[in-house]
Amino acid sequence: MHLQSFEVRAPGAPGPVGYLHTSPELAMKRLLAADYGSMYQIAKVFRAGERGPRHNPEFTLLEWYRTEADYPGFIAENLRLLEELLRPYLRLEAALQYSYRQAFVDYAGVDPFEADTGQLRAAYLAQSATDVTAIPNQDRHAWLDLLLTQRIEPRLPRDRLIVIAEYPADQACLARVSSTTPAVAERFEIYCNGLELANGFHELSDANEQCRRIDRELNERRQRGLPQVPVDQPFIRALQQGLPDCCGIAIGFDRLVMLAAGVDAIDKVIAFV
């Protein structure tokens, strides 16, 4: 839920702390607000505290935005893109789409919107002997994340693209809330063979709502003892100027290469780690 940035300080130089970007998203939205139109970028991005078979602190991201996009149509368009990229390497069956709730009920046996943290914890522990004493019992987001990554992702049907959509609104700081279901955000993720490939939104354009969400995020960081980070004021000013109706997505390029190469670790597709 909270991405950690690498801090950058010039040796011996005064001035504010800088950060390596975790995503080009906010800068690209400033361009969208300046009427640059639909765009994409392939960028190196950096995230501290992320290291493992599927994570490297530096990795390659494809970020792209389509203005005046239809949200369901944008999902379908990205499925076609990923199918084109992966079909030479994998025999893909037809894609499937689940709601976030349906995925949890089907593969973890719990309703993520109705269950309290104790029930989420019990659902996880019922299928695992893993030591989770480091996770606070009341950290709802942590239990949801554990269930998704450890229980649901490995059980998703293989050899096809899987969409999980309609995430809880409190797990989508930058996405619009559904106009018909306030508890749900217009956010989706795409998976293949248990590997998350992409994270997309119908982008939030309300500057006041965005500020309220950022304040909630900062307050939660304080409560969890995480470092405070400055608010990107140029991004807020861009939203106030007016962000066009648009959808956006971030696609992990290295993970696409993992699938194409048939390997199980990101280190095997990155030249220097």
Protein backbone atom coordinates (compact mmCIF):
# COMPACT_ATOMS: atom_id res chain seq x y z
CA MET A 1 0.00 0.00 0.00
CA HIS A 2 2.85 2.41 0.80
CA LEU A 3 5.70 2.42 -1.71
CA GLN A 4 9.06 3.37 -0.26
CA SER A 5 11.21 5.80 -2.23
CA PHE A 6 14.99 5.98 -2.28
CA GLU A 7 16.15 9.27 -0.78
CA VAL A 8 18.80 11.18 -2.71
CA ARG A 9 21.19 13.69 -1.10
CA ALA A 10 23.99 15.54 -2.83
CA PRO A 11 27.15 15.08 -0.73
CA GLY A 12 27.89 18.25 1.21
CA ALA A 13 25.21 20.24 -0.59
CA PRO A 14 22.44 22.04 1.32
CA GLY A 15 18.85 21.82 0.22
CA PRO A 16 15.86 19.50 0.41
CA VAL A 17 16.04 15.74 0.12
CA GLY A 18 15.31 14.37 -3.35
CA TYR A 19 13.73 11.05 -4.29
CA LEU A 20 14.17 8.51 -7.07
CA HIS A 21 10.72 8.11 -8.56
CA THR A 22 8.69 4.98 -7.82
CA SER A 23 6.67 5.67 -10.97
CA PRO A 24 6.49 8.38 -13.65
CA GLU A 25 2.74 8.69 -12.95
CA LEU A 26 2.49 12.10 -11.31
CA ALA A 27 4.75 13.81 -13.85
CA MET A 28 2.82 12.29 -16.74
CA LYS A 29 -0.46 13.48 -15.25
CA ARG A 30 0.93 17.00 -15.18
CA LEU A 31 1.48 16.66 -18.94
CA LEU A 32 -2.06 15.32 -19.36
CA ALA A 33 -3.38 18.35 -17.50
CA ALA A 34 -1.41 20.52 -19.95
CA ASP A 35 -3.34 18.91 -22.87
CA TYR A 36 -0.54 16.72 -24.21
CA GLY A 37 -3.08 13.97 -24.89
CA SER A 38 -2.63 10.19 -24.71
CA MET A 39 0.94 9.17 -23.98
CA TYR A 40 3.26 6.40 -22.83
CA GLN A 41 6.67 6.13 -21.24
CA ILE A 42 9.07 3.25 -20.65
CA ALA A 43 11.08 4.22 -17.59
CA LYS A 44 13.45 2.92 -14.98
CA VAL A 45 11.78 3.19 -11.58
CA PHE A 46 13.06 2.61 -8.06
CA ARG A 47 11.47 1.24 -4.90
CA ALA A 48 13.25 0.73 -1.61
CA GLY A 49 12.49 -2.32 0.48
CA GLU A 50 11.44 -4.46 -2.48
CA ARG A 51 13.71 -7.45 -3.11
CA GLY A 52 12.82 -11.03 -3.97
CA PRO A 53 12.07 -13.43 -6.82
CA ARG A 54 9.56 -10.98 -8.32
CA HIS A 55 10.98 -7.67 -7.11
CA ASN A 56 14.16 -5.70 -7.73
CA PRO A 57 14.82 -2.23 -6.29
CA GLU A 58 15.35 -0.94 -9.86
CA PHE A 59 13.10 -2.18 -12.63
CA THR A 60 11.52 -1.16 -15.95
CA LEU A 61 7.94 0.07 -16.16
CA LEU A 62 5.67 0.80 -19.11
CA GLU A 63 3.27 3.55 -18.03
CA TRP A 64 0.62 4.76 -20.44
CA TYR A 65 -2.55 6.85 -20.46
CA ARG A 66 -5.46 7.14 -22.84
CA THR A 67 -7.66 10.23 -22.71
CA GLU A 68 -11.43 9.96 -23.13
CA ALA A 69 -11.10 6.23 -22.49
CA ASP A 70 -13.96 3.94 -21.64
CA TYR A 71 -12.95 2.05 -18.48
CA PRO A 72 -14.14 -1.44 -19.57
CA GLY A 73 -12.76 -0.73 -23.04
CA PHE A 74 -9.39 0.23 -21.56
CA ILE A 75 -9.24 -3.11 -19.73
CA ALA A 76 -10.01 -4.92 -22.98
CA GLU A 77 -7.39 -2.89 -24.85
CA ASN A 78 -4.68 -3.84 -22.37
CA LEU A 79 -5.67 -7.49 -22.54
CA ARG A 80 -5.17 -7.32 -26.32
CA LEU A 81 -1.79 -5.63 -25.84
CA LEU A 82 -0.56 -8.25 -23.38
CA GLU A 83 -1.90 -11.09 -25.50
CA GLU A 84 0.03 -9.77 -28.50
CA LEU A 85 3.22 -9.53 -26.44
CA LEU A 86 2.93 -12.95 -24.81
CA ARG A 87 1.29 -15.11 -27.47
CA PRO A 88 4.59 -15.93 -29.26
CA TYR A 89 5.85 -17.46 -26.00
CA LEU A 90 2.74 -18.87 -24.27
CA ARG A 91 -0.32 -20.78 -25.40
CA LEU A 92 -2.93 -18.50 -23.91
CA GLU A 93 -6.55 -19.46 -23.45
CA ALA A 94 -9.31 -16.84 -23.32
CA ALA A 95 -8.89 -14.23 -20.59
CA LEU A 96 -11.04 -14.33 -17.45
CA GLN A 97 -12.24 -11.47 -15.26
CA TYR A 98 -13.08 -11.62 -11.55
CA SER A 99 -14.24 -8.95 -9.19
CA TYR A 100 -11.97 -8.47 -6.18
CA ARG A 101 -14.75 -9.86 -3.97
CA GLN A 102 -15.31 -12.90 -6.20
CA ALA A 103 -11.58 -13.74 -6.26
CA PHE A 104 -11.42 -13.66 -2.46
CA VAL A 105 -14.57 -15.72 -1.99
CA ASP A 106 -13.57 -18.31 -4.60
CA TYR A 107 -9.90 -18.73 -3.70
CA ALA A 108 -9.58 -17.61 -0.07
CA GLY A 109 -13.05 -18.40 1.28
CA VAL A 110 -13.69 -14.96 2.75
CA ASP A 111 -15.54 -11.78 1.73
CA PRO A 112 -12.97 -8.94 1.73
CA PHE A 113 -15.63 -6.25 2.19
CA GLU A 114 -17.58 -7.87 5.01
CA ALA A 115 -14.91 -9.73 7.01
CA ASP A 116 -13.22 -8.02 9.96
CA THR A 117 -9.49 -8.28 10.51
CA GLY A 118 -9.87 -11.28 12.80
CA GLN A 119 -11.74 -13.19 10.10
CA LEU A 120 -9.17 -12.21 7.47
CA ARG A 121 -6.37 -13.38 9.74
CA ALA A 122 -8.19 -16.65 10.45
CA ALA A 123 -8.76 -17.24 6.72
CA TYR A 124 -5.05 -16.84 6.09
CA LEU A 125 -3.88 -18.95 9.02
CA ALA A 126 -6.34 -21.72 8.20
CA GLN A 127 -4.27 -22.46 5.11
CA SER A 128 -0.79 -21.72 6.41
CA ALA A 129 1.57 -22.44 9.27
CA THR A 130 3.70 -19.42 8.37
CA ASP A 131 4.82 -17.23 11.25
CA VAL A 132 2.94 -13.94 10.94
CA THR A 133 3.61 -12.54 14.41
CA ALA A 134 5.20 -9.45 12.86
CA ILE A 135 1.87 -8.41 11.31
CA PRO A 136 -0.42 -6.43 13.63
CA ASN A 137 -3.75 -8.20 14.11
CA GLN A 138 -5.62 -5.00 13.24
CA ASP A 139 -3.70 -4.18 10.06
CA ARG A 140 -6.54 -4.93 7.66
CA HIS A 141 -4.62 -3.97 4.53
CA ALA A 142 -1.75 -6.28 5.43
CA TRP A 143 -4.07 -9.28 5.80
CA LEU A 144 -5.84 -8.49 2.54
CA ASP A 145 -2.48 -8.23 0.80
CA LEU A 146 -1.27 -11.51 2.29
CA LEU A 147 -4.44 -13.31 1.20
CA LEU A 148 -4.16 -11.88 -2.31
CA THR A 149 -0.48 -12.62 -2.85
CA GLN A 150 -0.16 -15.88 -0.93
CA ARG A 151 -3.58 -17.51 -1.31
CA ILE A 152 -5.25 -16.12 -4.42
CA GLU A 153 -2.49 -15.38 -6.94
CA PRO A 154 -0.99 -18.91 -6.87
CA ARG A 155 -4.47 -20.45 -7.40
CA LEU A 156 -5.59 -18.35 -10.35
CA PRO A 157 -6.14 -20.34 -13.57
CA ARG A 158 -2.94 -20.69 -15.56
CA ASP A 159 -2.06 -20.11 -19.21
CA ARG A 160 -4.46 -17.20 -19.57
CA LEU A 161 -4.64 -13.55 -18.62
CA ILE A 162 -6.69 -12.88 -15.49
CA VAL A 163 -8.26 -9.52 -14.62
CA ILE A 164 -9.15 -8.71 -11.02
CA ALA A 165 -11.23 -5.53 -10.87
CA GLU A 166 -13.41 -3.50 -8.49
CA TYR A 167 -10.83 -3.12 -5.72
CA PRO A 168 -11.86 -1.60 -2.38
CA ALA A 169 -11.93 2.18 -2.62
CA ASP A 170 -9.43 2.51 0.22
CA GLN A 171 -6.88 0.55 -1.84
CA ALA A 172 -6.94 2.97 -4.76
CA CYS A 173 -5.69 6.38 -3.72
CA LEU A 174 -5.43 7.65 -7.32
CA ALA A 175 -8.49 5.97 -8.87
CA ARG A 176 -12.10 7.07 -9.24
CA VAL A 177 -14.72 5.55 -7.01
CA SER A 178 -17.51 3.71 -8.79
CA SER A 179 -20.55 5.91 -9.41
CA THR A 180 -22.85 3.00 -8.48
CA THR A 181 -20.90 1.29 -5.67
CA PRO A 182 -19.08 3.76 -3.38
CA ALA A 183 -17.11 1.00 -1.62
CA VAL A 184 -15.48 0.04 -4.92
CA ALA A 185 -12.86 1.85 -7.01
CA GLU A 186 -12.38 1.63 -10.76
CA ARG A 187 -9.06 -0.11 -10.37
CA PHE A 188 -7.93 -3.38 -11.96
CA GLU A 189 -4.90 -5.64 -12.07
CA ILE A 190 -3.90 -8.17 -14.73
CA TYR A 191 -2.18 -11.46 -13.91
CA CYS A 192 -0.71 -14.37 -15.82
CA ASN A 193 0.41 -17.64 -14.24
CA GLY A 194 0.13 -16.15 -10.77
CA LEU A 195 2.30 -13.15 -11.67
CA GLU A 196 0.93 -9.62 -11.41
CA LEU A 197 1.72 -7.83 -14.67
CA ALA A 198 -0.25 -4.59 -14.58
CA ASN A 199 -2.12 -2.17 -12.34
CA GLY A 200 -4.63 0.20 -13.93
CA PHE A 201 -7.11 2.93 -12.96
CA HIS A 202 -9.86 5.13 -14.22
CA GLU A 203 -7.92 8.15 -13.02
CA LEU A 204 -9.18 10.45 -10.29
CA SER A 205 -9.40 14.06 -11.52
CA ASP A 206 -11.00 15.77 -8.48
CA ALA A 207 -8.22 17.79 -6.83
CA ASN A 208 -10.08 18.25 -3.54
CA GLU A 209 -10.81 14.54 -3.23
CA GLN A 210 -7.20 13.73 -4.09
CA CYS A 211 -5.98 16.03 -1.32
CA ARG A 212 -8.29 14.36 1.19
CA ARG A 213 -6.96 10.94 0.21
CA ILE A 214 -3.35 12.07 0.45
CA ASP A 215 -4.05 13.45 3.93
CA ARG A 216 -5.49 10.08 4.97
CA GLU A 217 -2.45 8.29 3.56
CA LEU A 218 -0.06 10.58 5.43
CA ASN A 219 -2.00 10.10 8.64
CA GLU A 220 -1.83 6.35 8.25
CA ARG A 221 1.92 6.59 7.62
CA ARG A 222 2.26 8.49 10.91
CA GLN A 223 0.23 5.87 12.76
CA ARG A 224 2.38 3.08 11.32
CA GLY A 225 5.64 4.86 12.09
CA LEU A 226 6.58 5.26 8.42
CA PRO A 227 8.64 8.24 7.22
CA GLN A 228 6.64 11.29 6.20
CA VAL A 229 6.97 12.40 2.59
CA PRO A 230 6.23 15.78 1.03
CA VAL A 231 3.08 16.30 -1.01
CA ASP A 232 3.77 16.78 -4.73
CA GLN A 233 2.32 20.28 -4.98
CA PRO A 234 2.90 20.67 -8.77
CA PHE A 235 0.77 17.52 -9.22
CA ILE A 236 -2.01 19.00 -7.06
CA ARG A 237 -1.89 22.25 -9.04
CA ALA A 238 -2.16 20.26 -12.26
CA LEU A 239 -5.30 18.53 -10.97
CA GLN A 240 -6.72 21.92 -10.01
CA GLN A 241 -6.01 23.13 -13.53
CA GLY A 242 -7.98 20.16 -14.85
CA LEU A 243 -7.09 16.56 -15.67
CA PRO A 244 -8.95 15.19 -18.70
CA ASP A 245 -11.07 12.09 -18.33
CA CYS A 246 -8.54 9.30 -18.78
CA CYS A 247 -7.46 5.80 -17.84
CA GLY A 248 -3.90 4.75 -17.08
CA ILE A 249 -1.91 1.61 -16.44
CA ALA A 250 1.55 0.54 -15.27
CA ILE A 251 2.92 -2.68 -16.78
CA GLY A 252 5.97 -4.43 -15.35
CA PHE A 253 8.27 -4.95 -18.35
CA ASP A 254 10.70 -7.27 -16.56
CA ARG A 255 7.86 -9.55 -15.49
CA LEU A 256 6.71 -9.80 -19.09
CA VAL A 257 10.23 -10.91 -19.97
CA MET A 258 10.12 -13.46 -17.12
CA LEU A 259 7.02 -15.04 -18.64
CA ALA A 260 8.43 -14.95 -22.16
CA ALA A 261 11.68 -16.55 -20.98
CA GLY A 262 9.97 -19.10 -18.76
CA VAL A 263 11.98 -18.18 -15.65
CA ASP A 264 10.86 -17.81 -12.04
CA ALA A 265 13.11 -14.99 -10.80
CA ILE A 266 13.44 -11.41 -11.93
CA ASP A 267 17.23 -11.56 -11.45
CA LYS A 268 17.40 -13.89 -14.46
CA VAL A 269 16.09 -11.22 -16.87
CA ILE A 270 17.91 -8.16 -15.53
CA ALA A 271 21.49 -7.63 -16.68
CA PHE A 272 22.76 -6.00 -13.48
CA VAL A 273 21.11 -6.50 -10.08
